Amino acid sequence: MFGPHVKFAALASIFALVSAQVFAHFHARPPAIKAERQPEIAFAGKAQAQAARWSGGSGATEHRIEADAQGQYFTNVEIAGARCRMLVDTGATTVALSYEDAAAAGIFPFPSDYKYSVSTANGVARVARVKLNQVRVGALVVRDVDAIVGERGALGSSLLGMTFLSKLSKIESSRGSLLLRQ
């Protein structure tokens, strides 16, 4: 009834439609990299004990960060059992990991994953999108955090951006300290 060319065209159209749906499904979300190397470990020490205090019976956990001499807020962050020092940056849309900090956490995107471009203080950098199982700052724990990883040498330092900060109930700067509340 139909010639071979019509049958071939129909099959090609079906194949293209299915391929487009599969492509859209797998490429609509950032690749999930499960970044857990070891079980959750508890912080020890005076600073972490202070961060773990409950705030006025409200059930909120707080972490306070003192500004450095330049007025910037750096804090220690734990990702997949690895600790790195990050700049708290409300102007950064996402958590941004340097290649070195990502590698320390066992996160190694494939070279083909570095397909996104971002503007940095040093110009344009190529990055890979990842999802972090959890990010810990003191006693604060945020799960399923979208992040980017810069190519080797692309990012000078890691940034604790809004994909983490927006999941907190409060961010407050006052007299040289930054309060993060969950």
Protein backbone atom coordinates (compact mmCIF):
# COMPACT_ATOMS: atom_id res chain seq x y z
CA MET A 1 0.00 0.00 0.00
CA PHE A 2 2.77 2.50 0.94
CA GLY A 3 6.06 2.56 -0.93
CA PRO A 4 9.41 1.91 0.80
CA HIS A 5 10.25 5.64 0.86
CA VAL A 6 7.08 6.53 2.77
CA LYS A 7 7.69 3.70 5.28
CA PHE A 8 11.30 4.85 5.76
CA ALA A 9 10.20 8.47 6.26
CA ALA A 10 7.60 7.40 8.84
CA LEU A 11 10.14 5.32 10.77
CA ALA A 12 12.69 8.14 10.62
CA SER A 13 10.10 10.60 12.00
CA ILE A 14 9.22 8.26 14.88
CA PHE A 15 12.91 7.71 15.65
CA ALA A 16 13.56 11.48 15.66
CA LEU A 17 10.61 12.12 17.97
CA VAL A 18 11.67 9.42 20.46
CA SER A 19 15.30 10.57 20.33
CA ALA A 20 14.27 14.17 21.04
CA GLN A 21 12.20 13.10 24.05
CA VAL A 22 15.02 10.95 25.44
CA PHE A 23 17.54 13.77 24.87
CA ALA A 24 15.27 16.30 26.61
CA HIS A 25 14.73 13.97 29.56
CA PHE A 26 18.41 13.33 30.20
CA HIS A 27 19.65 16.83 29.46
CA ALA A 28 16.99 18.94 31.19
CA ARG A 29 18.55 18.42 34.62
CA PRO A 30 22.13 18.79 35.76
CA PRO A 31 23.93 15.47 36.12
CA ALA A 32 23.60 14.12 39.64
CA ILE A 33 26.92 13.30 41.18
CA LYS A 34 26.52 11.45 44.40
CA ALA A 35 29.32 12.96 46.38
CA GLU A 36 29.24 10.91 49.53
CA ARG A 37 32.47 9.07 50.29
CA GLN A 38 31.89 8.25 53.92
CA PRO A 39 29.20 8.40 56.57
CA GLU A 40 28.37 11.74 58.06
CA ILE A 41 30.97 12.75 60.64
CA ALA A 42 30.42 15.11 63.54
CA PHE A 43 32.47 18.27 63.86
CA ALA A 44 34.49 18.64 67.02
CA GLY A 45 35.85 21.78 68.62
CA LYS A 46 34.73 24.96 70.31
CA ALA A 47 33.67 26.86 67.16
CA GLN A 48 31.51 24.00 65.96
CA ALA A 49 29.98 23.52 69.40
CA GLN A 50 29.00 27.20 69.42
CA ALA A 51 27.53 26.86 65.93
CA ALA A 52 25.40 23.92 67.06
CA ARG A 53 23.67 25.86 69.84
CA TRP A 54 19.91 26.10 69.56
CA SER A 55 18.65 29.63 69.12
CA GLY A 56 16.30 30.78 71.88
CA GLY A 57 14.24 27.60 71.89
CA SER A 58 13.02 28.29 68.34
CA GLY A 59 14.48 25.04 67.04
CA ALA A 60 16.70 26.93 64.60
CA THR A 61 20.35 26.04 64.22
CA GLU A 62 22.76 28.92 63.73
CA HIS A 63 26.27 29.46 62.45
CA ARG A 64 28.09 32.76 62.93
CA ILE A 65 31.01 33.82 60.71
CA GLU A 66 33.32 36.70 61.57
CA ALA A 67 34.49 38.99 58.77
CA ASP A 68 38.16 38.96 57.82
CA ALA A 69 40.29 42.13 57.60
CA GLN A 70 38.83 42.89 54.14
CA GLY A 71 35.25 42.50 55.38
CA GLN A 72 34.72 39.17 53.62
CA TYR A 73 33.12 36.09 55.17
CA PHE A 74 35.06 32.86 54.75
CA THR A 75 33.96 29.65 56.42
CA ASN A 76 34.87 25.98 56.47
CA VAL A 77 32.45 23.82 54.52
CA GLU A 78 32.19 20.03 54.41
CA ILE A 79 31.23 18.29 51.18
CA ALA A 80 31.38 14.49 51.01
CA GLY A 81 33.65 14.29 54.03
CA ALA A 82 36.15 16.78 52.59
CA ARG A 83 36.58 20.21 54.11
CA CYS A 84 37.26 23.32 52.10
CA ARG A 85 37.35 27.01 52.83
CA MET A 86 34.69 28.96 50.95
CA LEU A 87 33.76 32.61 50.55
CA VAL A 88 30.10 33.28 51.45
CA ASP A 89 28.82 35.16 48.38
CA THR A 90 25.19 36.27 48.18
CA GLY A 91 25.96 37.60 44.69
CA ALA A 92 26.82 34.12 43.43
CA THR A 93 23.81 32.37 41.95
CA THR A 94 25.11 28.92 42.80
CA VAL A 95 27.66 27.12 44.93
CA ALA A 96 30.86 27.16 42.90
CA LEU A 97 33.65 24.67 43.59
CA SER A 98 37.19 25.07 42.37
CA TYR A 99 38.51 22.04 40.54
CA GLU A 100 40.83 21.32 43.47
CA ASP A 101 38.08 21.47 46.12
CA ALA A 102 35.81 19.28 43.99
CA ALA A 103 38.60 16.74 43.53
CA ALA A 104 39.24 16.67 47.30
CA ALA A 105 35.53 15.80 47.72
CA GLY A 106 35.82 13.02 45.12
CA ILE A 107 33.90 14.92 42.43
CA PHE A 108 35.42 14.48 39.00
CA PRO A 109 33.19 15.64 36.14
CA PHE A 110 34.04 14.26 32.71
CA PRO A 111 35.80 16.71 30.36
CA SER A 112 32.65 16.75 28.22
CA ASP A 113 30.63 17.99 31.24
CA TYR A 114 32.43 21.37 31.17
CA LYS A 115 30.00 22.78 28.65
CA TYR A 116 28.65 25.82 30.50
CA SER A 117 30.22 29.27 30.64
CA VAL A 118 30.09 31.64 33.59
CA SER A 119 31.40 35.14 34.14
CA THR A 120 33.87 35.46 36.97
CA ALA A 121 35.99 38.31 38.32
CA ASN A 122 38.80 36.90 36.14
CA GLY A 123 36.73 36.59 32.97
CA VAL A 124 34.73 33.76 31.45
CA ALA A 125 35.25 30.23 32.80
CA ARG A 126 33.96 26.84 31.69
CA VAL A 127 32.15 24.83 34.34
CA ALA A 128 30.29 21.55 34.84
CA ARG A 129 26.95 21.36 36.66
CA VAL A 130 26.66 18.89 39.55
CA LYS A 131 24.31 18.13 42.44
CA LEU A 132 25.78 17.73 45.92
CA ASN A 133 24.09 15.32 48.30
CA GLN A 134 24.71 17.62 51.23
CA VAL A 135 26.68 20.68 52.20
CA ARG A 136 27.55 21.20 55.87
CA VAL A 137 28.53 24.53 57.42
CA GLY A 138 29.06 24.08 61.15
CA ALA A 139 25.85 22.44 62.36
CA LEU A 140 23.84 23.57 59.31
CA VAL A 141 23.16 20.83 56.77
CA VAL A 142 21.53 21.48 53.39
CA ARG A 143 20.76 18.57 51.06
CA ASP A 144 20.50 18.35 47.26
CA VAL A 145 22.47 21.49 46.47
CA ASP A 146 22.99 22.49 42.83
CA ALA A 147 26.59 23.50 42.20
CA ILE A 148 29.15 24.07 39.49
CA VAL A 149 32.74 22.86 39.25
CA GLY A 150 35.28 24.99 37.43
CA GLU A 151 37.86 23.54 35.09
CA ARG A 152 41.34 23.21 36.55
CA GLY A 153 42.61 26.72 37.36
CA ALA A 154 39.35 28.43 36.32
CA LEU A 155 38.16 29.49 39.80
CA GLY A 156 40.50 31.06 42.34
CA SER A 157 38.38 30.00 45.31
CA SER A 158 35.17 28.18 46.01
CA LEU A 159 32.00 30.19 46.67
CA LEU A 160 29.11 29.41 48.96
CA GLY A 161 26.36 30.86 46.79
CA MET A 162 22.59 31.13 46.75
CA THR A 163 21.78 27.49 45.94
CA PHE A 164 22.89 26.85 49.54
CA LEU A 165 22.03 30.19 51.16
CA SER A 166 18.47 30.41 49.81
CA LYS A 167 17.59 27.21 51.69
CA LEU A 168 18.31 28.90 55.03
CA SER A 169 15.66 30.76 57.01
CA LYS A 170 17.84 33.79 57.75
CA ILE A 171 21.05 35.48 56.62
CA GLU A 172 21.97 38.56 58.63
CA SER A 173 25.05 40.77 58.63
CA SER A 174 25.67 42.88 61.70
CA ARG A 175 28.79 44.55 63.17
CA GLY A 176 31.34 42.47 61.31
CA SER A 177 29.69 39.09 61.61
CA LEU A 178 27.34 37.08 59.43
CA LEU A 179 24.61 34.96 60.98
CA LEU A 180 23.28 31.96 59.06
CA ARG A 181 20.15 30.30 60.48
CA GLN A 182 18.39 27.12 59.41
